[in-house]
PDB file of N, CA and C in Angstrom:
ATOM      1  N   MET A   1      32.424 148.331 220.945  1.00  0.00           N
ATOM      2  CA  MET A   1      31.594 148.310 219.711  1.00  0.00           C
ATOM      3  C   MET A   1      31.720 149.871 219.333  1.00  0.00           C
ATOM      4  N   VAL A   2      31.416 150.049 218.077  1.00  0.00           N
ATOM      5  CA  VAL A   2      31.595 151.633 217.427  1.00  0.00           C
ATOM      6  C   VAL A   2      30.313 152.080 217.234  1.00  0.00           C
ATOM      7  N   GLY A   3      29.621 151.240 216.575  1.00  0.00           N
ATOM      8  CA  GLY A   3      28.138 150.692 215.974  1.00  0.00           C
ATOM      9  C   GLY A   3      27.719 150.523 214.669  1.00  0.00           C
ATOM     10  N   LYS A   4      27.201 151.082 213.927  1.00  0.00           N
ATOM     11  CA  LYS A   4      26.440 149.849 212.869  1.00  0.00           C
ATOM     12  C   LYS A   4      27.345 150.450 211.430  1.00  0.00           C
ATOM     13  N   VAL A   5      27.687 149.751 210.501  1.00  0.00           N
ATOM     14  CA  VAL A   5      28.149 150.152 209.549  1.00  0.00           C
ATOM     15  C   VAL A   5      27.759 149.307 208.207  1.00  0.00           C
ATOM     16  N   THR A   6      28.451 149.678 207.335  1.00  0.00           N
ATOM     17  CA  THR A   6      27.846 148.820 205.868  1.00  0.00           C
ATOM     18  C   THR A   6      29.569 148.023 205.519  1.00  0.00           C
ATOM     19  N   CYS A   7      29.038 146.717 205.423  1.00  0.00           N
ATOM     20  CA  CYS A   7      30.069 146.039 204.664  1.00  0.00           C
ATOM     21  C   CYS A   7      30.668 146.811 203.517  1.00  0.00           C
ATOM     22  N   THR A   8      31.822 146.868 202.982  1.00  0.00           N
ATOM     23  CA  THR A   8      32.205 147.262 201.811  1.00  0.00           C
ATOM     24  C   THR A   8      32.079 146.463 200.753  1.00  0.00           C
ATOM     25  N   HIS A   9      31.939 145.098 201.355  1.00  0.00           N
ATOM     26  CA  HIS A   9      32.327 144.134 199.743  1.00  0.00           C
ATOM     27  C   HIS A   9      30.446 143.260 200.056  1.00  0.00           C
ATOM     28  N   CYS A  10      29.710 143.314 200.687  1.00  0.00           N
ATOM     29  CA  CYS A  10      28.584 142.841 200.576  1.00  0.00           C
ATOM     30  C   CYS A  10      27.481 143.756 200.765  1.00  0.00           C
ATOM     31  N   THR A  11      28.021 145.056 201.139  1.00  0.00           N
ATOM     32  CA  THR A  11      26.960 145.985 201.484  1.00  0.00           C
ATOM     33  C   THR A  11      25.887 145.589 202.592  1.00  0.00           C
ATOM     34  N   ALA A  12      26.177 144.266 203.410  1.00  0.00           N
ATOM     35  CA  ALA A  12      25.492 144.112 204.651  1.00  0.00           C
ATOM     36  C   ALA A  12      25.670 145.101 206.051  1.00  0.00           C
ATOM     37  N   PRO A  13      24.876 145.530 206.917  1.00  0.00           N
ATOM     38  CA  PRO A  13      25.250 145.879 207.909  1.00  0.00           C
ATOM     39  C   PRO A  13      25.687 145.359 208.771  1.00  0.00           C
ATOM     40  N   PHE A  14      26.994 145.818 209.842  1.00  0.00           N
ATOM     41  CA  PHE A  14      27.192 144.819 211.003  1.00  0.00           C
ATOM     42  C   PHE A  14      27.700 145.341 211.919  1.00  0.00           C
ATOM     43  N   GLU A  15      27.896 145.389 213.316  1.00  0.00           N
ATOM     44  CA  GLU A  15      28.644 146.059 214.187  1.00  0.00           C
ATOM     45  C   GLU A  15      29.983 146.064 214.289  1.00  0.00           C
ATOM     46  N   ALA A  16      30.188 147.250 214.207  1.00  0.00           N
ATOM     47  CA  ALA A  16      31.805 147.443 213.926  1.00  0.00           C
ATOM     48  C   ALA A  16      32.747 147.788 215.302  1.00  0.00           C
ATOM     49  N   ARG A  17      33.648 146.913 215.561  1.00  0.00           N
ATOM     50  CA  ARG A  17      34.626 147.112 216.848  1.00  0.00           C
ATOM     51  C   ARG A  17      35.523 148.264 216.917  1.00  0.00           C
ATOM     52  N   THR A  18      35.887 148.881 215.760  1.00  0.00           N
ATOM     53  CA  THR A  18      36.881 149.629 215.532  1.00  0.00           C
ATOM     54  C   THR A  18      36.777 150.930 214.258  1.00  0.00           C
ATOM     55  N   PRO A  19      36.908 151.492 214.716  1.00  0.00           N
ATOM     56  CA  PRO A  19      36.115 152.434 213.376  1.00  0.00           C
ATOM     57  C   PRO A  19      36.783 152.764 212.348  1.00  0.00           C
ATOM     58  N   SER A  20      37.849 151.726 211.952  1.00  0.00           N
ATOM     59  CA  SER A  20      38.085 151.271 210.801  1.00  0.00           C
ATOM     60  C   SER A  20      37.888 149.854 210.031  1.00  0.00           C
ATOM     61  N   ALA A  21      36.678 149.550 210.503  1.00  0.00           N
ATOM     62  CA  ALA A  21      36.121 148.083 210.176  1.00  0.00           C
ATOM     63  C   ALA A  21      35.380 148.451 208.731  1.00  0.00           C
ATOM     64  N   LYS A  22      35.582 147.559 207.669  1.00  0.00           N
ATOM     65  CA  LYS A  22      35.157 147.939 206.644  1.00  0.00           C
ATOM     66  C   LYS A  22      34.310 146.779 206.163  1.00  0.00           C
ATOM     67  N   PHE A  23      34.710 145.119 207.145  1.00  0.00           N
ATOM     68  CA  PHE A  23      34.294 144.313 205.929  1.00  0.00           C
ATOM     69  C   PHE A  23      33.717 142.997 207.332  1.00  0.00           C
ATOM     70  N   CYS A  24      32.273 142.670 207.039  1.00  0.00           N
ATOM     71  CA  CYS A  24      31.831 141.983 207.979  1.00  0.00           C
ATOM     72  C   CYS A  24      32.143 140.632 208.208  1.00  0.00           C
ATOM     73  N   PRO A  25      31.853 140.264 209.561  1.00  0.00           N
ATOM     74  CA  PRO A  25      32.769 138.919 210.054  1.00  0.00           C
ATOM     75  C   PRO A  25      32.359 137.962 208.705  1.00  0.00           C
ATOM     76  N   THR A  26      31.376 138.065 208.393  1.00  0.00           N
ATOM     77  CA  THR A  26      30.746 137.263 207.354  1.00  0.00           C
ATOM     78  C   THR A  26      31.948 136.927 205.940  1.00  0.00           C
ATOM     79  N   CYS A  27      31.933 138.646 205.441  1.00  0.00           N
ATOM     80  CA  CYS A  27      32.901 137.998 204.373  1.00  0.00           C
ATOM     81  C   CYS A  27      34.437 138.031 204.541  1.00  0.00           C
ATOM     82  N   VAL A  28      35.041 138.378 205.724  1.00  0.00           N
ATOM     83  CA  VAL A  28      36.279 138.438 206.340  1.00  0.00           C
ATOM     84  C   VAL A  28      36.301 138.288 208.110  1.00  0.00           C
ATOM     85  N   PRO A  29      36.084 136.519 208.278  1.00  0.00           N
ATOM     86  CA  PRO A  29      35.922 136.236 209.569  1.00  0.00           C
ATOM     87  C   PRO A  29      36.770 136.863 210.462  1.00  0.00           C
ATOM     88  N   ARG A  30      36.531 137.005 211.572  1.00  0.00           N
ATOM     89  CA  ARG A  30      37.727 137.756 212.879  1.00  0.00           C
ATOM     90  C   ARG A  30      38.308 136.534 213.915  1.00  0.00           C
ATOM     91  N   ASP A  31      37.112 135.837 214.792  1.00  0.00           N
ATOM     92  CA  ASP A  31      37.335 135.157 215.462  1.00  0.00           C
ATOM     93  C   ASP A  31      37.338 133.680 215.461  1.00  0.00           C
ATOM     94  N   THR A  32      37.716 133.445 213.846  1.00  0.00           N
ATOM     95  CA  THR A  32      37.867 131.688 213.748  1.00  0.00           C
ATOM     96  C   THR A  32      39.371 131.507 213.577  1.00  0.00           C
ATOM     97  N   LYS A  33      39.782 130.424 213.412  1.00  0.00           N
ATOM     98  CA  LYS A  33      41.243 129.611 213.441  1.00  0.00           C
ATOM     99  C   LYS A  33      41.700 130.408 212.057  1.00  0.00           C
ATOM    100  N   GLY A  34      41.060 130.225 210.809  1.00  0.00           N
ATOM    101  CA  GLY A  34      41.057 131.042 209.509  1.00  0.00           C
ATOM    102  C   GLY A  34      41.176 132.502 209.572  1.00  0.00           C
ATOM    103  N   GLY A  35      40.755 133.130 210.367  1.00  0.00           N
ATOM    104  CA  GLY A  35      40.168 134.268 210.542  1.00  0.00           C
ATOM    105  C   GLY A  35      41.538 135.560 209.757  1.00  0.00           C
ATOM    106  N   MET A  36      42.631 135.192 210.356  1.00  0.00           N
ATOM    107  CA  MET A  36      43.522 136.127 210.336  1.00  0.00           C
ATOM    108  C   MET A  36      43.978 136.073 208.256  1.00  0.00           C
ATOM    109  N   LYS A  37      43.988 134.811 207.925  1.00  0.00           N
ATOM    110  CA  LYS A  37      44.467 133.876 206.703  1.00  0.00           C
ATOM    111  C   LYS A  37      43.369 134.796 205.818  1.00  0.00           C
ATOM    112  N   HIS A  38      41.991 134.918 206.388  1.00  0.00           N
ATOM    113  CA  HIS A  38      41.041 134.946 205.307  1.00  0.00           C
ATOM    114  C   HIS A  38      41.041 136.171 205.307  1.00  0.00           C
ATOM    115  N   ARG A  39      41.757 137.372 206.344  1.00  0.00           N
ATOM    116  CA  ARG A  39      41.478 138.862 206.151  1.00  0.00           C
ATOM    117  C   ARG A  39      42.370 139.114 205.104  1.00  0.00           C
ATOM    118  N   GLN A  40      43.769 138.758 205.050  1.00  0.00           N
ATOM    119  CA  GLN A  40      44.802 138.800 204.214  1.00  0.00           C
ATOM    120  C   GLN A  40      44.816 138.220 202.652  1.00  0.00           C
ATOM    121  N   ASN A  41      44.078 137.052 202.641  1.00  0.00           N
ATOM    122  CA  ASN A  41      43.495 137.082 201.218  1.00  0.00           C
ATOM    123  C   ASN A  41      42.884 137.885 200.556  1.00  0.00           C
ATOM    124  N   PHE A  42      42.025 138.499 201.447  1.00  0.00           N
ATOM    125  CA  PHE A  42      40.995 139.597 200.968  1.00  0.00           C
ATOM    126  C   PHE A  42      41.533 140.810 200.805  1.00  0.00           C
ATOM    127  N   ALA A  43      42.879 141.065 201.352  1.00  0.00           N
ATOM    128  CA  ALA A  43      43.437 142.581 201.371  1.00  0.00           C
ATOM    129  C   ALA A  43      44.486 142.376 200.157  1.00  0.00           C
ATOM    130  N   ARG A  44      44.723 141.288 199.953  1.00  0.00           N
ATOM    131  CA  ARG A  44      46.316 140.915 198.858  1.00  0.00           C
ATOM    132  C   ARG A  44      45.285 140.891 197.965  1.00  0.00           C
ATOM    133  N   TYR A  45      44.472 139.426 197.504  1.00  0.00           N
ATOM    134  CA  TYR A  45      43.814 138.944 196.478  1.00  0.00           C
ATOM    135  C   TYR A  45      42.676 139.381 195.984  1.00  0.00           C
ATOM    136  N   GLY A  46      41.969 140.231 196.756  1.00  0.00           N
ATOM    137  CA  GLY A  46      40.190 140.622 196.788  1.00  0.00           C
ATOM    138  C   GLY A  46      39.371 139.038 196.822  1.00  0.00           C
ATOM    139  N   VAL A  47      39.745 137.923 197.612  1.00  0.00           N
ATOM    140  CA  VAL A  47      39.180 136.686 197.561  1.00  0.00           C
ATOM    141  C   VAL A  47      39.008 136.540 198.841  1.00  0.00           C
ATOM    142  N   ASP A  48      37.258 136.571 198.835  1.00  0.00           N
ATOM    143  CA  ASP A  48      36.667 136.811 200.602  1.00  0.00           C
ATOM    144  C   ASP A  48      36.474 135.029 200.767  1.00  0.00           C
ATOM    145  N   LYS A  49      36.389 134.861 201.974  1.00  0.00           N
ATOM    146  CA  LYS A  49      35.984 133.474 202.115  1.00  0.00           C
ATOM    147  C   LYS A  49      35.142 132.480 201.613  1.00  0.00           C
ATOM    148  N   PHE A  50      34.143 133.187 200.797  1.00  0.00           N
ATOM    149  CA  PHE A  50      33.144 132.105 200.374  1.00  0.00           C
ATOM    150  C   PHE A  50      33.717 131.918 198.561  1.00  0.00           C
ATOM    151  N   MET A  51      34.385 132.720 197.931  1.00  0.00           N
ATOM    152  CA  MET A  51      35.442 132.642 197.130  1.00  0.00           C
ATOM    153  C   MET A  51      36.694 131.537 197.488  1.00  0.00           C
ATOM    154  N   TYR A  52      37.424 131.618 197.947  1.00  0.00           N
ATOM    155  CA  TYR A  52      38.207 130.778 198.709  1.00  0.00           C
ATOM    156  C   TYR A  52      37.642 129.134 198.976  1.00  0.00           C
ATOM    157  N   ASP A  53      36.404 129.116 200.114  1.00  0.00           N
ATOM    158  CA  ASP A  53      35.853 127.741 199.822  1.00  0.00           C
ATOM    159  C   ASP A  53      35.574 127.287 198.224  1.00  0.00           C
ATOM    160  N   ALA A  54      35.021 128.203 197.796  1.00  0.00           N
ATOM    161  CA  ALA A  54      34.537 127.873 196.478  1.00  0.00           C
ATOM    162  C   ALA A  54      35.499 126.694 195.494  1.00  0.00           C
ATOM    163  N   MET A  55      36.630 127.735 195.467  1.00  0.00           N
ATOM    164  CA  MET A  55      38.031 127.091 195.160  1.00  0.00           C
ATOM    165  C   MET A  55      38.256 125.903 195.768  1.00  0.00           C
ATOM    166  N   TYR A  56      38.447 126.338 196.919  1.00  0.00           N
ATOM    167  CA  TYR A  56      38.906 124.895 197.737  1.00  0.00           C
ATOM    168  C   TYR A  56      37.873 123.355 196.994  1.00  0.00           C
ATOM    169  N   PHE A  57      36.825 123.789 197.408  1.00  0.00           N
ATOM    170  CA  PHE A  57      35.716 122.577 197.021  1.00  0.00           C
ATOM    171  C   PHE A  57      35.856 122.170 195.107  1.00  0.00           C
ATOM    172  N   GLU A  58      36.109 123.185 194.535  1.00  0.00           N
ATOM    173  CA  GLU A  58      36.150 122.861 193.146  1.00  0.00           C
ATOM    174  C   GLU A  58      37.351 121.966 192.976  1.00  0.00           C
ATOM    175  N   GLN A  59      38.467 122.043 193.551  1.00  0.00           N
ATOM    176  CA  GLN A  59      39.437 121.219 193.414  1.00  0.00           C
ATOM    177  C   GLN A  59      39.754 120.239 194.618  1.00  0.00           C
ATOM    178  N   ASP A  60      38.561 119.976 194.990  1.00  0.00           N
ATOM    179  CA  ASP A  60      38.687 118.888 196.179  1.00  0.00           C
ATOM    180  C   ASP A  60      39.512 118.909 197.272  1.00  0.00           C
ATOM    181  N   GLY A  61      40.384 120.257 197.723  1.00  0.00           N
ATOM    182  CA  GLY A  61      41.415 120.827 198.144  1.00  0.00           C
ATOM    183  C   GLY A  61      42.518 119.752 198.146  1.00  0.00           C
ATOM    184  N   GLU A  62      42.597 119.448 196.813  1.00  0.00           N
ATOM    185  CA  GLU A  62      44.081 119.053 196.081  1.00  0.00           C
ATOM    186  C   GLU A  62      44.730 120.002 195.131  1.00  0.00           C
ATOM    187  N   CYS A  63      46.256 120.403 195.830  1.00  0.00           N
ATOM    188  CA  CYS A  63      47.131 120.859 194.635  1.00  0.00           C
ATOM    189  C   CYS A  63      46.894 120.782 193.108  1.00  0.00           C
ATOM    190  N   PRO A  64      46.457 121.065 192.084  1.00  0.00           N
ATOM    191  CA  PRO A  64      46.623 120.658 190.763  1.00  0.00           C
ATOM    192  C   PRO A  64      47.579 120.165 190.276  1.00  0.00           C
ATOM    193  N   ILE A  65      48.741 120.659 191.182  1.00  0.00           N
ATOM    194  CA  ILE A  65      50.225 120.481 190.434  1.00  0.00           C
ATOM    195  C   ILE A  65      51.104 119.244 191.000  1.00  0.00           C
ATOM    196  N   CYS A  66      50.938 119.154 191.988  1.00  0.00           N
ATOM    197  CA  CYS A  66      51.668 117.809 192.570  1.00  0.00           C
ATOM    198  C   CYS A  66      50.561 116.868 192.811  1.00  0.00           C
ATOM    199  N   GLU A  67      49.713 117.288 193.007  1.00  0.00           N
ATOM    200  CA  GLU A  67      48.111 116.241 193.510  1.00  0.00           C
ATOM    201  C   GLU A  67      48.469 115.115 194.632  1.00  0.00           C
ATOM    202  N   GLU A  68      49.547 115.718 195.284  1.00  0.00           N
ATOM    203  CA  GLU A  68      49.747 114.862 196.812  1.00  0.00           C
ATOM    204  C   GLU A  68      49.456 115.722 198.042  1.00  0.00           C
ATOM    205  N   ARG A  69      49.409 116.743 198.053  1.00  0.00           N
ATOM    206  CA  ARG A  69      49.303 117.676 199.205  1.00  0.00           C
ATOM    207  C   ARG A  69      48.153 118.749 199.316  1.00  0.00           C
ATOM    208  N   GLU A  70      47.308 119.193 200.060  1.00  0.00           N
ATOM    209  CA  GLU A  70      46.387 120.176 200.197  1.00  0.00           C
ATOM    210  C   GLU A  70      47.009 121.334 200.059  1.00  0.00           C
ATOM    211  N   ALA A  71      45.553 121.819 199.224  1.00  0.00           N
ATOM    212  CA  ALA A  71      45.662 123.270 198.603  1.00  0.00           C
ATOM    213  C   ALA A  71      45.165 124.651 199.217  1.00  0.00           C
ATOM    214  N   GLU A  72      46.175 124.948 199.730  1.00  0.00           N
ATOM    215  CA  GLU A  72      45.589 126.009 200.832  1.00  0.00           C
ATOM    216  C   GLU A  72      45.514 127.110 200.642  1.00  0.00           C
ATOM    217  N   GLY A  73      47.042 127.607 199.117  1.00  0.00           N
ATOM    218  CA  GLY A  73      47.746 128.886 199.506  1.00  0.00           C
ATOM    219  C   GLY A  73      46.985 129.632 197.939  1.00  0.00           C
ATOM    220  N   ILE A  74      46.890 130.710 197.698  1.00  0.00           N
ATOM    221  CA  ILE A  74      46.305 131.612 196.902  1.00  0.00           C
ATOM    222  C   ILE A  74      47.406 131.511 195.693  1.00  0.00           C
ATOM    223  N   ASP A  75      47.407 131.084 194.410  1.00  0.00           N
ATOM    224  CA  ASP A  75      48.380 131.415 193.648  1.00  0.00           C
ATOM    225  C   ASP A  75      47.530 132.562 192.463  1.00  0.00           C
ATOM    226  N   HIS A  76      48.486 133.583 191.931  1.00  0.00           N
ATOM    227  CA  HIS A  76      48.044 134.764 191.250  1.00  0.00           C
ATOM    228  C   HIS A  76      49.394 134.929 190.395  1.00  0.00           C
ATOM    229  N   CYS A  77      48.923 135.382 189.362  1.00  0.00           N
ATOM    230  CA  CYS A  77      50.192 135.881 187.794  1.00  0.00           C
ATOM    231  C   CYS A  77      50.715 137.227 188.614  1.00  0.00           C
ATOM    232  N   HIS A  78      51.752 137.369 188.860  1.00  0.00           N
ATOM    233  CA  HIS A  78      52.659 138.317 189.182  1.00  0.00           C
ATOM    234  C   HIS A  78      52.519 139.468 188.407  1.00  0.00           C
ATOM    235  N   LYS A  79      52.431 139.265 187.284  1.00  0.00           N
ATOM    236  CA  LYS A  79      52.473 140.593 186.289  1.00  0.00           C
ATOM    237  C   LYS A  79      50.971 140.744 186.145  1.00  0.00           C
ATOM    238  N   THR A  80      50.180 140.269 186.156  1.00  0.00           N
ATOM    239  CA  THR A  80      48.419 140.652 186.424  1.00  0.00           C
ATOM    240  C   THR A  80      47.579 140.930 187.522  1.00  0.00           C
ATOM    241  N   GLY A  81      48.574 140.141 188.485  1.00  0.00           N
ATOM    242  CA  GLY A  81      47.612 139.912 189.774  1.00  0.00           C
ATOM    243  C   GLY A  81      46.410 139.227 189.939  1.00  0.00           C
ATOM    244  N   ARG A  82      46.129 138.481 188.915  1.00  0.00           N
ATOM    245  CA  ARG A  82      44.940 137.657 188.437  1.00  0.00           C
ATOM    246  C   ARG A  82      44.865 136.399 189.549  1.00  0.00           C
ATOM    247  N   VAL A  83      44.151 135.458 190.310  1.00  0.00           N
ATOM    248  CA  VAL A  83      44.120 134.497 191.057  1.00  0.00           C
ATOM    249  C   VAL A  83      43.926 133.629 189.973  1.00  0.00           C
ATOM    250  N   ARG A  84      44.636 132.289 190.113  1.00  0.00           N
ATOM    251  CA  ARG A  84      44.382 131.495 189.335  1.00  0.00           C
ATOM    252  C   ARG A  84      43.971 130.452 189.980  1.00  0.00           C
ATOM    253  N   GLY A  85      44.177 129.896 191.239  1.00  0.00           N
ATOM    254  CA  GLY A  85      43.730 129.119 192.055  1.00  0.00           C
ATOM    255  C   GLY A  85      44.484 128.753 193.307  1.00  0.00           C
ATOM    256  N   LEU A  86      44.185 127.599 193.891  1.00  0.00           N
ATOM    257  CA  LEU A  86      44.606 127.053 195.104  1.00  0.00           C
ATOM    258  C   LEU A  86      45.670 126.628 194.995  1.00  0.00           C
ATOM    259  N   LEU A  87      47.237 126.396 195.407  1.00  0.00           N
ATOM    260  CA  LEU A  87      48.063 125.273 195.288  1.00  0.00           C
ATOM    261  C   LEU A  87      48.933 125.400 196.620  1.00  0.00           C
ATOM    262  N   CYS A  88      49.678 123.696 197.202  1.00  0.00           N
ATOM    263  CA  CYS A  88      50.013 123.505 198.080  1.00  0.00           C
ATOM    264  C   CYS A  88      51.544 124.814 198.369  1.00  0.00           C
ATOM    265  N   ARG A  89      51.797 124.735 199.434  1.00  0.00           N
ATOM    266  CA  ARG A  89      53.153 125.649 199.736  1.00  0.00           C
ATOM    267  C   ARG A  89      54.038 125.584 198.920  1.00  0.00           C
ATOM    268  N   ALA A  90      54.578 124.426 198.655  1.00  0.00           N
ATOM    269  CA  ALA A  90      55.793 123.519 197.891  1.00  0.00           C
ATOM    270  C   ALA A  90      55.583 124.170 196.090  1.00  0.00           C
ATOM    271  N   CYS A  91      54.208 123.721 195.528  1.00  0.00           N
ATOM    272  CA  CYS A  91      53.876 124.001 194.558  1.00  0.00           C
ATOM    273  C   CYS A  91      53.881 125.775 194.527  1.00  0.00           C
ATOM    274  N   ASN A  92      53.370 126.443 195.071  1.00  0.00           N
ATOM    275  CA  ASN A  92      53.252 127.917 195.105  1.00  0.00           C
ATOM    276  C   ASN A  92      54.313 128.608 194.798  1.00  0.00           C
ATOM    277  N   THR A  93      55.344 127.657 195.786  1.00  0.00           N
ATOM    278  CA  THR A  93      56.569 128.609 195.800  1.00  0.00           C
ATOM    279  C   THR A  93      57.412 128.471 194.899  1.00  0.00           C
ATOM    280  N   MET A  94      57.429 127.319 194.189  1.00  0.00           N
ATOM    281  CA  MET A  94      57.850 126.586 192.887  1.00  0.00           C
ATOM    282  C   MET A  94      57.330 127.415 191.931  1.00  0.00           C
ATOM    283  N   LEU A  95      56.529 127.967 191.623  1.00  0.00           N
ATOM    284  CA  LEU A  95      55.530 128.254 190.630  1.00  0.00           C
ATOM    285  C   LEU A  95      56.010 129.745 190.389  1.00  0.00           C
ATOM    286  N   GLY A  96      56.277 130.599 191.834  1.00  0.00           N
ATOM    287  CA  GLY A  96      56.559 131.854 191.461  1.00  0.00           C
ATOM    288  C   GLY A  96      58.149 131.605 191.215  1.00  0.00           C
ATOM    289  N   MET A  97      58.934 130.811 191.855  1.00  0.00           N
ATOM    290  CA  MET A  97      60.437 131.100 191.203  1.00  0.00           C
ATOM    291  C   MET A  97      60.667 130.942 189.686  1.00  0.00           C
ATOM    292  N   ILE A  98      60.011 130.131 189.296  1.00  0.00           N
ATOM    293  CA  ILE A  98      60.003 129.698 187.705  1.00  0.00           C
ATOM    294  C   ILE A  98      58.997 130.485 186.531  1.00  0.00           C
ATOM    295  N   GLU A  99      58.021 131.302 187.261  1.00  0.00           N
ATOM    296  CA  GLU A  99      56.951 132.048 186.710  1.00  0.00           C
ATOM    297  C   GLU A  99      57.751 133.305 185.351  1.00  0.00           C
ATOM    298  N   ASP A 100      58.927 133.369 185.796  1.00  0.00           N
ATOM    299  CA  ASP A 100      59.929 134.263 184.532  1.00  0.00           C
ATOM    300  C   ASP A 100      60.430 133.009 183.796  1.00  0.00           C
ATOM    301  N   SER A 101      59.942 132.984 182.500  1.00  0.00           N
ATOM    302  CA  SER A 101      60.447 132.011 181.664  1.00  0.00           C
ATOM    303  C   SER A 101      61.844 132.435 181.470  1.00  0.00           C
ATOM    304  N   LYS A 102      62.689 133.206 181.466  1.00  0.00           N
ATOM    305  CA  LYS A 102      64.009 133.082 181.572  1.00  0.00           C
ATOM    306  C   LYS A 102      64.644 132.130 182.776  1.00  0.00           C
ATOM    307  N   ARG A 103      64.165 132.340 183.745  1.00  0.00           N
ATOM    308  CA  ARG A 103      64.562 131.559 185.293  1.00  0.00           C
ATOM    309  C   ARG A 103      64.158 129.896 184.767  1.00  0.00           C
ATOM    310  N   LEU A 104      63.040 129.788 184.153  1.00  0.00           N
ATOM    311  CA  LEU A 104      62.428 128.646 184.244  1.00  0.00           C
ATOM    312  C   LEU A 104      63.350 127.923 183.268  1.00  0.00           C
ATOM    313  N   ASN A 105      63.748 128.583 182.295  1.00  0.00           N
ATOM    314  CA  ASN A 105      65.050 128.040 181.007  1.00  0.00           C
ATOM    315  C   ASN A 105      66.165 127.524 181.630  1.00  0.00           C
ATOM    316  N   LYS A 106      66.883 128.433 182.271  1.00  0.00           N
ATOM    317  CA  LYS A 106      67.835 128.207 182.820  1.00  0.00           C
ATOM    318  C   LYS A 106      67.825 127.328 184.221  1.00  0.00           C
ATOM    319  N   ALA A 107      66.182 126.587 184.470  1.00  0.00           N
ATOM    320  CA  ALA A 107      66.478 125.952 185.726  1.00  0.00           C
ATOM    321  C   ALA A 107      66.318 124.383 184.650  1.00  0.00           C
ATOM    322  N   LEU A 108      65.454 124.136 183.762  1.00  0.00           N
ATOM    323  CA  LEU A 108      65.505 123.367 182.815  1.00  0.00           C
ATOM    324  C   LEU A 108      67.055 123.189 182.321  1.00  0.00           C
ATOM    325  N   ASP A 109      67.744 123.695 181.847  1.00  0.00           N
ATOM    326  CA  ASP A 109      69.156 123.797 181.220  1.00  0.00           C
ATOM    327  C   ASP A 109      69.938 123.033 182.454  1.00  0.00           C
ATOM    328  N   TYR A 110      69.828 123.528 183.538  1.00  0.00           N
ATOM    329  CA  TYR A 110      70.432 123.099 184.771  1.00  0.00           C
ATOM    330  C   TYR A 110      70.351 121.593 185.108  1.00  0.00           C
ATOM    331  N   VAL A 111      68.867 121.402 184.874  1.00  0.00           N
ATOM    332  CA  VAL A 111      68.480 119.581 185.453  1.00  0.00           C
ATOM    333  C   VAL A 111      68.694 118.757 184.349  1.00  0.00           C
ATOM    334  N   ALA A 112      68.764 119.189 182.793  1.00  0.00           N
ATOM    335  CA  ALA A 112      69.316 118.605 181.689  1.00  0.00           C
ATOM    336  C   ALA A 112      70.725 118.189 181.762  1.00  0.00           C
ATOM    337  N   GLU A 113      71.598 119.381 182.865  1.00  0.00           N
ATOM    338  CA  GLU A 113      73.016 119.273 182.355  1.00  0.00           C
ATOM    339  C   GLU A 113      73.404 117.712 183.365  1.00  0.00           C
ATOM    340  N   GLY A 114      72.499 116.829 183.856  1.00  0.00           N
ATOM    341  CA  GLY A 114      72.790 115.788 184.740  1.00  0.00           C
ATOM    342  C   GLY A 114      73.693 116.299 186.556  1.00  0.00           C
ATOM    343  N   VAL A 115      74.214 115.105 186.586  1.00  0.00           N
ATOM    344  CA  VAL A 115      74.690 115.090 188.049  1.00  0.00           C
ATOM    345  C   VAL A 115      76.085 115.029 188.051  1.00  0.00           C
ATOM    346  N   TYR A 116      76.848 115.574 189.074  1.00  0.00           N
ATOM    347  CA  TYR A 116      78.525 115.480 189.002  1.00  0.00           C
ATOM    348  C   TYR A 116      78.500 114.027 188.820  1.00  0.00           C
TER     349      TYR A 116
END
């Protein structure tokens, strides 16, 4: 243990394990199964465990695009970085590929051309 430090997210004091510790275990869990996921989500998108759980609950854990699979990945706009919600892995990948309107139009043209 390094000593008491203040969480840079919620400002609560906590016992730091390392000198570089910035976030309390409540905001960014370390020892849970999803701890690494929550640390990465916070570092990349500013989404802590509470925000993630709220989005998951609001969507009933369902991907709003396919409505078939569990929504567990954070979707964000690649231009602004703004978080839009949670998607399943397949829909999040698909959306990332077609977010560029030029690429989307090419994909739509390809599909419209039909099959060999």
